[in-house]
Amino acid sequence: MKHAHISTLCECQARLSAELDEHRQVTRGWARHLRDRLSAAQPLHEAQVVAPAHSIHASQPRFQVAWLCPFCGRNTLRSFDASGLAWRIAPAATEAPASEAPGG
């Protein structure tokens, strides 16, 4: 299965990202935001959280993806061109060992 990764910035400067399948449908969305330092002793850290996302007009050459930013609550809509996507082959899922037949 092929997948592509897209990302953009929200108005609050959080990085919104999504993974798309070969039909350009969102399979997962997330966001990262650099948090302010709580004290001088604590370094900056990145928090990754789920950001609901969905594709709009995914079958068109130019399509949109909308996110709900978990940090500021904005609905963020961005346009993407299908020809600009970099596709990767997803690693094959490892199969579970075959179980023995009952009574054998």
PDB file of N, CA and C in Angstrom:
ATOM      1  N   MET A   1       0.841  -1.175   0.000  1.00  0.00           N
ATOM      2  CA  MET A   1       0.000   0.000   0.000  1.00  0.00           C
ATOM      3  C   MET A   1       0.889   1.242   0.000  1.00  0.00           C
ATOM      4  N   LYS A   2       0.564   2.195  -0.847  1.00  0.00           N
ATOM      5  CA  LYS A   2       1.320   3.439  -0.910  1.00  0.00           C
ATOM      6  C   LYS A   2       0.738   4.447   0.069  1.00  0.00           C
ATOM      7  N   HIS A   3       1.603   5.323   0.565  1.00  0.00           N
ATOM      8  CA  HIS A   3       1.130   6.417   1.400  1.00  0.00           C
ATOM      9  C   HIS A   3       1.996   7.647   1.155  1.00  0.00           C
ATOM     10  N   ALA A   4       1.417   8.812   1.450  1.00  0.00           N
ATOM     11  CA  ALA A   4       2.131  10.080   1.317  1.00  0.00           C
ATOM     12  C   ALA A   4       1.942  10.864   2.608  1.00  0.00           C
ATOM     13  N   HIS A   5       2.892  11.737   2.895  1.00  0.00           N
ATOM     14  CA  HIS A   5       2.863  12.553   4.101  1.00  0.00           C
ATOM     15  C   HIS A   5       2.773  14.014   3.680  1.00  0.00           C
ATOM     16  N   ILE A   6       1.820  14.757   4.264  1.00  0.00           N
ATOM     17  CA  ILE A   6       1.692  16.187   3.996  1.00  0.00           C
ATOM     18  C   ILE A   6       1.719  16.933   5.316  1.00  0.00           C
ATOM     19  N   SER A   7       2.103  18.201   5.269  1.00  0.00           N
ATOM     20  CA  SER A   7       2.087  19.010   6.492  1.00  0.00           C
ATOM     21  C   SER A   7       1.962  20.481   6.136  1.00  0.00           C
ATOM     22  N   THR A   8       1.506  21.256   7.101  1.00  0.00           N
ATOM     23  CA  THR A   8       1.335  22.692   6.957  1.00  0.00           C
ATOM     24  C   THR A   8       1.369  23.313   8.344  1.00  0.00           C
ATOM     25  N   LEU A   9       1.416  24.629   8.405  1.00  0.00           N
ATOM     26  CA  LEU A   9       1.371  25.323   9.688  1.00  0.00           C
ATOM     27  C   LEU A   9      -0.016  25.888   9.929  1.00  0.00           C
ATOM     28  N   CYS A  10      -0.479  25.786  11.164  1.00  0.00           N
ATOM     29  CA  CYS A  10      -1.712  26.426  11.594  1.00  0.00           C
ATOM     30  C   CYS A  10      -1.395  27.895  11.896  1.00  0.00           C
ATOM     31  N   GLU A  11      -2.415  28.711  12.061  1.00  0.00           N
ATOM     32  CA  GLU A  11      -2.203  30.109  12.416  1.00  0.00           C
ATOM     33  C   GLU A  11      -1.543  30.258  13.787  1.00  0.00           C
ATOM     34  N   CYS A  12      -1.686  29.242  14.654  1.00  0.00           N
ATOM     35  CA  CYS A  12      -1.054  29.286  15.979  1.00  0.00           C
ATOM     36  C   CYS A  12       0.377  28.756  15.942  1.00  0.00           C
ATOM     37  N   GLN A  13       0.890  28.446  14.736  1.00  0.00           N
ATOM     38  CA  GLN A  13       2.241  27.948  14.498  1.00  0.00           C
ATOM     39  C   GLN A  13       2.440  26.478  14.860  1.00  0.00           C
ATOM     40  N   ALA A  14       1.367  25.745  15.102  1.00  0.00           N
ATOM     41  CA  ALA A  14       1.477  24.293  15.275  1.00  0.00           C
ATOM     42  C   ALA A  14       1.671  23.672  13.897  1.00  0.00           C
ATOM     43  N   ARG A  15       2.455  22.608  13.815  1.00  0.00           N
ATOM     44  CA  ARG A  15       2.641  21.897  12.550  1.00  0.00           C
ATOM     45  C   ARG A  15       1.580  20.813  12.463  1.00  0.00           C
ATOM     46  N   LEU A  16       0.688  20.941  11.465  1.00  0.00           N
ATOM     47  CA  LEU A  16      -0.366  19.968  11.217  1.00  0.00           C
ATOM     48  C   LEU A  16       0.117  19.005  10.143  1.00  0.00           C
ATOM     49  N   SER A  17      -0.022  17.714  10.386  1.00  0.00           N
ATOM     50  CA  SER A  17       0.448  16.699   9.444  1.00  0.00           C
ATOM     51  C   SER A  17      -0.632  15.655   9.231  1.00  0.00           C
ATOM     52  N   ALA A  18      -0.551  14.990   8.089  1.00  0.00           N
ATOM     53  CA  ALA A  18      -1.491  13.909   7.784  1.00  0.00           C
ATOM     54  C   ALA A  18      -0.808  12.886   6.894  1.00  0.00           C
ATOM     55  N   GLU A  19      -1.262  11.662   7.021  1.00  0.00           N
ATOM     56  CA  GLU A  19      -0.819  10.576   6.154  1.00  0.00           C
ATOM     57  C   GLU A  19      -1.984  10.244   5.231  1.00  0.00           C
ATOM     58  N   LEU A  20      -1.700  10.136   3.934  1.00  0.00           N
ATOM     59  CA  LEU A  20      -2.726   9.858   2.934  1.00  0.00           C
ATOM     60  C   LEU A  20      -2.513   8.477   2.334  1.00  0.00           C
ATOM     61  N   ASP A  21      -3.615   7.795   2.004  1.00  0.00           N
ATOM     62  CA  ASP A  21      -3.493   6.525   1.293  1.00  0.00           C
ATOM     63  C   ASP A  21      -3.430   6.792  -0.209  1.00  0.00           C
ATOM     64  N   GLU A  22      -3.389   5.731  -1.021  1.00  0.00           N
ATOM     65  CA  GLU A  22      -3.229   5.922  -2.467  1.00  0.00           C
ATOM     66  C   GLU A  22      -4.426   6.598  -3.123  1.00  0.00           C
ATOM     67  N   HIS A  23      -5.563   6.680  -2.420  1.00  0.00           N
ATOM     68  CA  HIS A  23      -6.743   7.384  -2.929  1.00  0.00           C
ATOM     69  C   HIS A  23      -6.803   8.810  -2.391  1.00  0.00           C
ATOM     70  N   ARG A  24      -5.740   9.236  -1.749  1.00  0.00           N
ATOM     71  CA  ARG A  24      -5.595  10.574  -1.145  1.00  0.00           C
ATOM     72  C   ARG A  24      -6.602  10.817  -0.016  1.00  0.00           C
ATOM     73  N   GLN A  25      -7.015   9.753   0.642  1.00  0.00           N
ATOM     74  CA  GLN A  25      -7.860   9.860   1.827  1.00  0.00           C
ATOM     75  C   GLN A  25      -6.956   9.879   3.056  1.00  0.00           C
ATOM     76  N   VAL A  26      -7.306  10.671   4.045  1.00  0.00           N
ATOM     77  CA  VAL A  26      -6.496  10.769   5.262  1.00  0.00           C
ATOM     78  C   VAL A  26      -6.651   9.491   6.074  1.00  0.00           C
ATOM     79  N   THR A  27      -5.526   8.872   6.422  1.00  0.00           N
ATOM     80  CA  THR A  27      -5.556   7.691   7.281  1.00  0.00           C
ATOM     81  C   THR A  27      -5.215   8.049   8.720  1.00  0.00           C
ATOM     82  N   ARG A  28      -4.496   9.172   8.904  1.00  0.00           N
ATOM     83  CA  ARG A  28      -4.200   9.624  10.261  1.00  0.00           C
ATOM     84  C   ARG A  28      -3.747  11.072  10.201  1.00  0.00           C
ATOM     85  N   GLY A  29      -4.128  11.838  11.221  1.00  0.00           N
ATOM     86  CA  GLY A  29      -3.726  13.239  11.319  1.00  0.00           C
ATOM     87  C   GLY A  29      -3.157  13.522  12.695  1.00  0.00           C
ATOM     88  N   TRP A  30      -2.147  14.400  12.754  1.00  0.00           N
ATOM     89  CA  TRP A  30      -1.539  14.743  14.032  1.00  0.00           C
ATOM     90  C   TRP A  30      -0.984  16.159  13.972  1.00  0.00           C
ATOM     91  N   ALA A  31      -0.646  16.684  15.144  1.00  0.00           N
ATOM     92  CA  ALA A  31      -0.086  18.037  15.235  1.00  0.00           C
ATOM     93  C   ALA A  31       1.038  18.043  16.253  1.00  0.00           C
ATOM     94  N   ARG A  32       1.989  18.932  16.033  1.00  0.00           N
ATOM     95  CA  ARG A  32       3.100  19.137  16.968  1.00  0.00           C
ATOM     96  C   ARG A  32       3.200  20.626  17.245  1.00  0.00           C
ATOM     97  N   HIS A  33       3.500  20.967  18.481  1.00  0.00           N
ATOM     98  CA  HIS A  33       3.625  22.369  18.856  1.00  0.00           C
ATOM     99  C   HIS A  33       4.757  22.508  19.854  1.00  0.00           C
ATOM    100  N   LEU A  34       5.642  23.451  19.619  1.00  0.00           N
ATOM    101  CA  LEU A  34       6.690  23.718  20.605  1.00  0.00           C
ATOM    102  C   LEU A  34       6.048  24.429  21.789  1.00  0.00           C
ATOM    103  N   ARG A  35       6.200  23.847  22.938  1.00  0.00           N
ATOM    104  CA  ARG A  35       5.633  24.438  24.156  1.00  0.00           C
ATOM    105  C   ARG A  35       6.602  25.437  24.770  1.00  0.00           C
ATOM    106  N   ASP A  36       6.045  26.411  25.449  1.00  0.00           N
ATOM    107  CA  ASP A  36       6.888  27.385  26.147  1.00  0.00           C
ATOM    108  C   ASP A  36       7.608  26.720  27.304  1.00  0.00           C
ATOM    109  N   ARG A  37       8.733  27.270  27.648  1.00  0.00           N
ATOM    110  CA  ARG A  37       9.472  26.738  28.800  1.00  0.00           C
ATOM    111  C   ARG A  37       8.693  27.019  30.084  1.00  0.00           C
ATOM    112  N   LEU A  38       8.601  25.997  30.910  1.00  0.00           N
ATOM    113  CA  LEU A  38       7.944  26.185  32.200  1.00  0.00           C
ATOM    114  C   LEU A  38       8.895  26.834  33.190  1.00  0.00           C
ATOM    115  N   SER A  39      10.167  26.534  33.043  1.00  0.00           N
ATOM    116  CA  SER A  39      11.187  27.186  33.866  1.00  0.00           C
ATOM    117  C   SER A  39      12.479  27.187  33.065  1.00  0.00           C
ATOM    118  N   ALA A  40      13.459  27.919  33.515  1.00  0.00           N
ATOM    119  CA  ALA A  40      14.729  28.003  32.796  1.00  0.00           C
ATOM    120  C   ALA A  40      15.438  26.647  32.756  1.00  0.00           C
ATOM    121  N   ALA A  41      15.151  25.762  33.720  1.00  0.00           N
ATOM    122  CA  ALA A  41      15.823  24.462  33.786  1.00  0.00           C
ATOM    123  C   ALA A  41      15.231  23.456  32.800  1.00  0.00           C
ATOM    124  N   GLN A  42      14.003  23.694  32.333  1.00  0.00           N
ATOM    125  CA  GLN A  42      13.358  22.733  31.444  1.00  0.00           C
ATOM    126  C   GLN A  42      13.543  23.148  29.987  1.00  0.00           C
ATOM    127  N   PRO A  43      14.038  22.253  29.151  1.00  0.00           N
ATOM    128  CA  PRO A  43      14.200  22.583  27.728  1.00  0.00           C
ATOM    129  C   PRO A  43      12.855  22.574  27.008  1.00  0.00           C
ATOM    130  N   LEU A  44      12.856  23.172  25.827  1.00  0.00           N
ATOM    131  CA  LEU A  44      11.663  23.099  24.992  1.00  0.00           C
ATOM    132  C   LEU A  44      11.429  21.649  24.594  1.00  0.00           C
ATOM    133  N   HIS A  45      10.195  21.269  24.470  1.00  0.00           N
ATOM    134  CA  HIS A  45       9.880  19.922  24.017  1.00  0.00           C
ATOM    135  C   HIS A  45       8.733  19.994  23.020  1.00  0.00           C
ATOM    136  N   GLU A  46       8.623  18.991  22.217  1.00  0.00           N
ATOM    137  CA  GLU A  46       7.543  18.918  21.250  1.00  0.00           C
ATOM    138  C   GLU A  46       6.509  17.913  21.733  1.00  0.00           C
ATOM    139  N   ALA A  47       5.253  18.295  21.644  1.00  0.00           N
ATOM    140  CA  ALA A  47       4.164  17.393  21.990  1.00  0.00           C
ATOM    141  C   ALA A  47       3.446  17.007  20.704  1.00  0.00           C
ATOM    142  N   GLN A  48       3.256  15.718  20.473  1.00  0.00           N
ATOM    143  CA  GLN A  48       2.520  15.247  19.304  1.00  0.00           C
ATOM    144  C   GLN A  48       1.177  14.740  19.777  1.00  0.00           C
ATOM    145  N   VAL A  49       0.114  15.281  19.193  1.00  0.00           N
ATOM    146  CA  VAL A  49      -1.234  14.884  19.579  1.00  0.00           C
ATOM    147  C   VAL A  49      -2.060  14.613  18.325  1.00  0.00           C
ATOM    148  N   VAL A  50      -3.138  13.885  18.500  1.00  0.00           N
ATOM    149  CA  VAL A  50      -4.041  13.585  17.391  1.00  0.00           C
ATOM    150  C   VAL A  50      -4.718  14.874  16.938  1.00  0.00           C
ATOM    151  N   ALA A  51      -4.759  15.083  15.636  1.00  0.00           N
ATOM    152  CA  ALA A  51      -5.467  16.219  15.041  1.00  0.00           C
ATOM    153  C   ALA A  51      -6.421  15.650  13.989  1.00  0.00           C
ATOM    154  N   PRO A  52      -7.713  15.619  14.272  1.00  0.00           N
ATOM    155  CA  PRO A  52      -8.654  15.070  13.295  1.00  0.00           C
ATOM    156  C   PRO A  52      -8.498  15.772  11.944  1.00  0.00           C
ATOM    157  N   ALA A  53      -8.470  14.988  10.873  1.00  0.00           N
ATOM    158  CA  ALA A  53      -8.282  15.537   9.527  1.00  0.00           C
ATOM    159  C   ALA A  53      -9.088  14.724   8.526  1.00  0.00           C
ATOM    160  N   HIS A  54      -9.462  15.371   7.422  1.00  0.00           N
ATOM    161  CA  HIS A  54     -10.143  14.655   6.345  1.00  0.00           C
ATOM    162  C   HIS A  54      -9.854  15.316   5.002  1.00  0.00           C
ATOM    163  N   SER A  55      -9.973  14.516   3.942  1.00  0.00           N
ATOM    164  CA  SER A  55      -9.741  14.991   2.576  1.00  0.00           C
ATOM    165  C   SER A  55     -11.044  15.489   1.973  1.00  0.00           C
ATOM    166  N   ILE A  56     -10.922  16.505   1.123  1.00  0.00           N
ATOM    167  CA  ILE A  56     -12.067  17.054   0.402  1.00  0.00           C
ATOM    168  C   ILE A  56     -11.714  17.031  -1.082  1.00  0.00           C
ATOM    169  N   HIS A  57     -12.595  16.491  -1.909  1.00  0.00           N
ATOM    170  CA  HIS A  57     -12.365  16.357  -3.356  1.00  0.00           C
ATOM    171  C   HIS A  57     -11.072  15.595  -3.631  1.00  0.00           C
ATOM    172  N   ALA A  58     -10.878  14.492  -2.931  1.00  0.00           N
ATOM    173  CA  ALA A  58      -9.630  13.729  -3.031  1.00  0.00           C
ATOM    174  C   ALA A  58      -9.388  13.161  -4.424  1.00  0.00           C
ATOM    175  N   SER A  59     -10.421  12.987  -5.222  1.00  0.00           N
ATOM    176  CA  SER A  59     -10.239  12.423  -6.562  1.00  0.00           C
ATOM    177  C   SER A  59      -9.797  13.469  -7.584  1.00  0.00           C
ATOM    178  N   GLN A  60      -9.820  14.737  -7.220  1.00  0.00           N
ATOM    179  CA  GLN A  60      -9.424  15.813  -8.132  1.00  0.00           C
ATOM    180  C   GLN A  60      -7.912  16.019  -8.108  1.00  0.00           C
ATOM    181  N   PRO A  61      -7.330  16.561  -9.186  1.00  0.00           N
ATOM    182  CA  PRO A  61      -5.881  16.820  -9.193  1.00  0.00           C
ATOM    183  C   PRO A  61      -5.460  17.807  -8.100  1.00  0.00           C
ATOM    184  N   ARG A  62      -6.325  18.757  -7.800  1.00  0.00           N
ATOM    185  CA  ARG A  62      -6.068  19.703  -6.710  1.00  0.00           C
ATOM    186  C   ARG A  62      -7.126  19.422  -5.647  1.00  0.00           C
ATOM    187  N   PHE A  63      -6.702  19.022  -4.468  1.00  0.00           N
ATOM    188  CA  PHE A  63      -7.631  18.624  -3.414  1.00  0.00           C
ATOM    189  C   PHE A  63      -7.293  19.379  -2.129  1.00  0.00           C
ATOM    190  N   GLN A  64      -8.173  19.301  -1.161  1.00  0.00           N
ATOM    191  CA  GLN A  64      -7.977  19.983   0.107  1.00  0.00           C
ATOM    192  C   GLN A  64      -7.951  18.976   1.248  1.00  0.00           C
ATOM    193  N   VAL A  65      -7.278  19.371   2.317  1.00  0.00           N
ATOM    194  CA  VAL A  65      -7.292  18.617   3.567  1.00  0.00           C
ATOM    195  C   VAL A  65      -7.636  19.611   4.664  1.00  0.00           C
ATOM    196  N   ALA A  66      -8.551  19.216   5.533  1.00  0.00           N
ATOM    197  CA  ALA A  66      -8.961  20.058   6.652  1.00  0.00           C
ATOM    198  C   ALA A  66      -8.567  19.376   7.956  1.00  0.00           C
ATOM    199  N   TRP A  67      -8.048  20.168   8.892  1.00  0.00           N
ATOM    200  CA  TRP A  67      -7.655  19.691  10.213  1.00  0.00           C
ATOM    201  C   TRP A  67      -8.409  20.479  11.272  1.00  0.00           C
ATOM    202  N   LEU A  68      -8.614  19.862  12.425  1.00  0.00           N
ATOM    203  CA  LEU A  68      -9.040  20.565  13.625  1.00  0.00           C
ATOM    204  C   LEU A  68      -7.802  20.653  14.500  1.00  0.00           C
ATOM    205  N   CYS A  69      -7.272  21.866  14.664  1.00  0.00           N
ATOM    206  CA  CYS A  69      -6.047  22.037  15.440  1.00  0.00           C
ATOM    207  C   CYS A  69      -6.348  21.781  16.917  1.00  0.00           C
ATOM    208  N   PRO A  70      -5.661  20.837  17.537  1.00  0.00           N
ATOM    209  CA  PRO A  70      -5.924  20.533  18.942  1.00  0.00           C
ATOM    210  C   PRO A  70      -5.367  21.586  19.896  1.00  0.00           C
ATOM    211  N   PHE A  71      -4.520  22.485  19.409  1.00  0.00           N
ATOM    212  CA  PHE A  71      -3.911  23.487  20.278  1.00  0.00           C
ATOM    213  C   PHE A  71      -4.731  24.770  20.351  1.00  0.00           C
ATOM    214  N   CYS A  72      -5.300  25.208  19.218  1.00  0.00           N
ATOM    215  CA  CYS A  72      -6.046  26.470  19.238  1.00  0.00           C
ATOM    216  C   CYS A  72      -7.521  26.290  18.880  1.00  0.00           C
ATOM    217  N   GLY A  73      -7.903  25.115  18.381  1.00  0.00           N
ATOM    218  CA  GLY A  73      -9.301  24.850  18.052  1.00  0.00           C
ATOM    219  C   GLY A  73      -9.744  25.338  16.681  1.00  0.00           C
ATOM    220  N   ARG A  74      -8.825  25.879  15.881  1.00  0.00           N
ATOM    221  CA  ARG A  74      -9.192  26.356  14.549  1.00  0.00           C
ATOM    222  C   ARG A  74      -9.406  25.183  13.588  1.00  0.00           C
ATOM    223  N   ASN A  75     -10.320  25.390  12.647  1.00  0.00           N
ATOM    224  CA  ASN A  75     -10.460  24.484  11.513  1.00  0.00           C
ATOM    225  C   ASN A  75      -9.560  25.037  10.421  1.00  0.00           C
ATOM    226  N   THR A  76      -8.538  24.287  10.053  1.00  0.00           N
ATOM    227  CA  THR A  76      -7.541  24.743   9.089  1.00  0.00           C
ATOM    228  C   THR A  76      -7.706  23.971   7.792  1.00  0.00           C
ATOM    229  N   LEU A  77      -7.904  24.689   6.688  1.00  0.00           N
ATOM    230  CA  LEU A  77      -8.102  24.088   5.373  1.00  0.00           C
ATOM    231  C   LEU A  77      -6.938  24.484   4.478  1.00  0.00           C
ATOM    232  N   ARG A  78      -6.310  23.497   3.846  1.00  0.00           N
ATOM    233  CA  ARG A  78      -5.184  23.750   2.945  1.00  0.00           C
ATOM    234  C   ARG A  78      -5.392  22.973   1.645  1.00  0.00           C
ATOM    235  N   SER A  79      -4.939  23.564   0.540  1.00  0.00           N
ATOM    236  CA  SER A  79      -5.004  22.925  -0.777  1.00  0.00           C
ATOM    237  C   SER A  79      -3.673  22.269  -1.107  1.00  0.00           C
ATOM    238  N   PHE A  80      -3.741  21.130  -1.787  1.00  0.00           N
ATOM    239  CA  PHE A  80      -2.557  20.394  -2.210  1.00  0.00           C
ATOM    240  C   PHE A  80      -2.744  19.958  -3.652  1.00  0.00           C
ATOM    241  N   ASP A  81      -1.651  19.839  -4.376  1.00  0.00           N
ATOM    242  CA  ASP A  81      -1.668  19.354  -5.750  1.00  0.00           C
ATOM    243  C   ASP A  81      -1.207  17.900  -5.741  1.00  0.00           C
ATOM    244  N   ALA A  82      -1.991  17.036  -6.353  1.00  0.00           N
ATOM    245  CA  ALA A  82      -1.682  15.603  -6.338  1.00  0.00           C
ATOM    246  C   ALA A  82      -0.335  15.304  -6.980  1.00  0.00           C
ATOM    247  N   SER A  83       0.076  16.104  -7.961  1.00  0.00           N
ATOM    248  CA  SER A  83       1.356  15.840  -8.629  1.00  0.00           C
ATOM    249  C   SER A  83       2.550  16.147  -7.733  1.00  0.00           C
ATOM    250  N   GLY A  84       2.331  16.860  -6.642  1.00  0.00           N
ATOM    251  CA  GLY A  84       3.421  17.199  -5.732  1.00  0.00           C
ATOM    252  C   GLY A  84       3.609  16.223  -4.586  1.00  0.00           C
ATOM    253  N   LEU A  85       2.800  15.177  -4.533  1.00  0.00           N
ATOM    254  CA  LEU A  85       2.910  14.210  -3.444  1.00  0.00           C
ATOM    255  C   LEU A  85       4.062  13.243  -3.691  1.00  0.00           C
ATOM    256  N   ALA A  86       4.798  12.942  -2.652  1.00  0.00           N
ATOM    257  CA  ALA A  86       5.879  11.951  -2.722  1.00  0.00           C
ATOM    258  C   ALA A  86       5.354  10.661  -2.096  1.00  0.00           C
ATOM    259  N   TRP A  87       5.190   9.644  -2.913  1.00  0.00           N
ATOM    260  CA  TRP A  87       4.615   8.378  -2.461  1.00  0.00           C
ATOM    261  C   TRP A  87       5.695   7.444  -1.947  1.00  0.00           C
ATOM    262  N   ARG A  88       5.356   6.713  -0.903  1.00  0.00           N
ATOM    263  CA  ARG A  88       6.233   5.685  -0.331  1.00  0.00           C
ATOM    264  C   ARG A  88       5.439   4.396  -0.224  1.00  0.00           C
ATOM    265  N   ILE A  89       6.136   3.295  -0.355  1.00  0.00           N
ATOM    266  CA  ILE A  89       5.499   1.990  -0.175  1.00  0.00           C
ATOM    267  C   ILE A  89       5.517   1.671   1.315  1.00  0.00           C
ATOM    268  N   ALA A  90       4.336   1.382   1.862  1.00  0.00           N
ATOM    269  CA  ALA A  90       4.240   1.036   3.277  1.00  0.00           C
ATOM    270  C   ALA A  90       4.856  -0.339   3.487  1.00  0.00           C
ATOM    271  N   PRO A  91       5.584  -0.524   4.590  1.00  0.00           N
ATOM    272  CA  PRO A  91       6.167  -1.847   4.855  1.00  0.00           C
ATOM    273  C   PRO A  91       5.063  -2.883   5.017  1.00  0.00           C
ATOM    274  N   ALA A  92       5.321  -4.071   4.505  1.00  0.00           N
ATOM    275  CA  ALA A  92       4.333  -5.148   4.596  1.00  0.00           C
ATOM    276  C   ALA A  92       4.129  -5.532   6.049  1.00  0.00           C
ATOM    277  N   ALA A  93       2.881  -5.743   6.401  1.00  0.00           N
ATOM    278  CA  ALA A  93       2.568  -6.157   7.765  1.00  0.00           C
ATOM    279  C   ALA A  93       3.072  -7.579   7.969  1.00  0.00           C
ATOM    280  N   THR A  94       3.659  -7.809   9.117  1.00  0.00           N
ATOM    281  CA  THR A  94       4.150  -9.158   9.398  1.00  0.00           C
ATOM    282  C   THR A  94       2.968 -10.041   9.758  1.00  0.00           C
ATOM    283  N   GLU A  95       2.972 -11.233   9.213  1.00  0.00           N
ATOM    284  CA  GLU A  95       1.878 -12.153   9.471  1.00  0.00           C
ATOM    285  C   GLU A  95       2.103 -12.870  10.787  1.00  0.00           C
ATOM    286  N   ALA A  96       1.008 -13.084  11.498  1.00  0.00           N
ATOM    287  CA  ALA A  96       1.080 -13.832  12.749  1.00  0.00           C
ATOM    288  C   ALA A  96       1.311 -15.301  12.411  1.00  0.00           C
ATOM    289  N   PRO A  97       2.013 -16.025  13.269  1.00  0.00           N
ATOM    290  CA  PRO A  97       2.232 -17.448  12.992  1.00  0.00           C
ATOM    291  C   PRO A  97       0.901 -18.180  12.906  1.00  0.00           C
ATOM    292  N   ALA A  98       0.833 -19.130  11.983  1.00  0.00           N
ATOM    293  CA  ALA A  98      -0.404 -19.891  11.798  1.00  0.00           C
ATOM    294  C   ALA A  98      -0.674 -20.719  13.046  1.00  0.00           C
ATOM    295  N   SER A  99      -1.906 -20.661  13.503  1.00  0.00           N
ATOM    296  CA  SER A  99      -2.253 -21.443  14.695  1.00  0.00           C
ATOM    297  C   SER A  99      -2.529 -22.887  14.284  1.00  0.00           C
ATOM    298  N   GLU A 100      -2.341 -23.759  15.226  1.00  0.00           N
ATOM    299  CA  GLU A 100      -2.573 -25.178  14.943  1.00  0.00           C
ATOM    300  C   GLU A 100      -4.060 -25.438  14.828  1.00  0.00           C
ATOM    301  N   ALA A 101      -4.403 -26.408  13.996  1.00  0.00           N
ATOM    302  CA  ALA A 101      -5.800 -26.788  13.837  1.00  0.00           C
ATOM    303  C   ALA A 101      -6.294 -27.424  15.129  1.00  0.00           C
ATOM    304  N   PRO A 102      -7.542 -27.138  15.524  1.00  0.00           N
ATOM    305  CA  PRO A 102      -8.059 -27.734  16.757  1.00  0.00           C
ATOM    306  C   PRO A 102      -8.154 -29.253  16.634  1.00  0.00           C
ATOM    307  N   GLY A 103      -7.863 -29.907  17.726  1.00  0.00           N
ATOM    308  CA  GLY A 103      -7.964 -31.360  17.786  1.00  0.00           C
ATOM    309  C   GLY A 103      -6.796 -32.068  17.109  1.00  0.00           C
ATOM    310  N   GLY A 104      -5.699 -31.339  16.838  1.00  0.00           N
ATOM    311  CA  GLY A 104      -4.632 -31.968  16.086  1.00  0.00           C
ATOM    312  C   GLY A 104      -3.445 -32.164  16.877  1.00  0.00           C
TER     313      GLY A 104
END
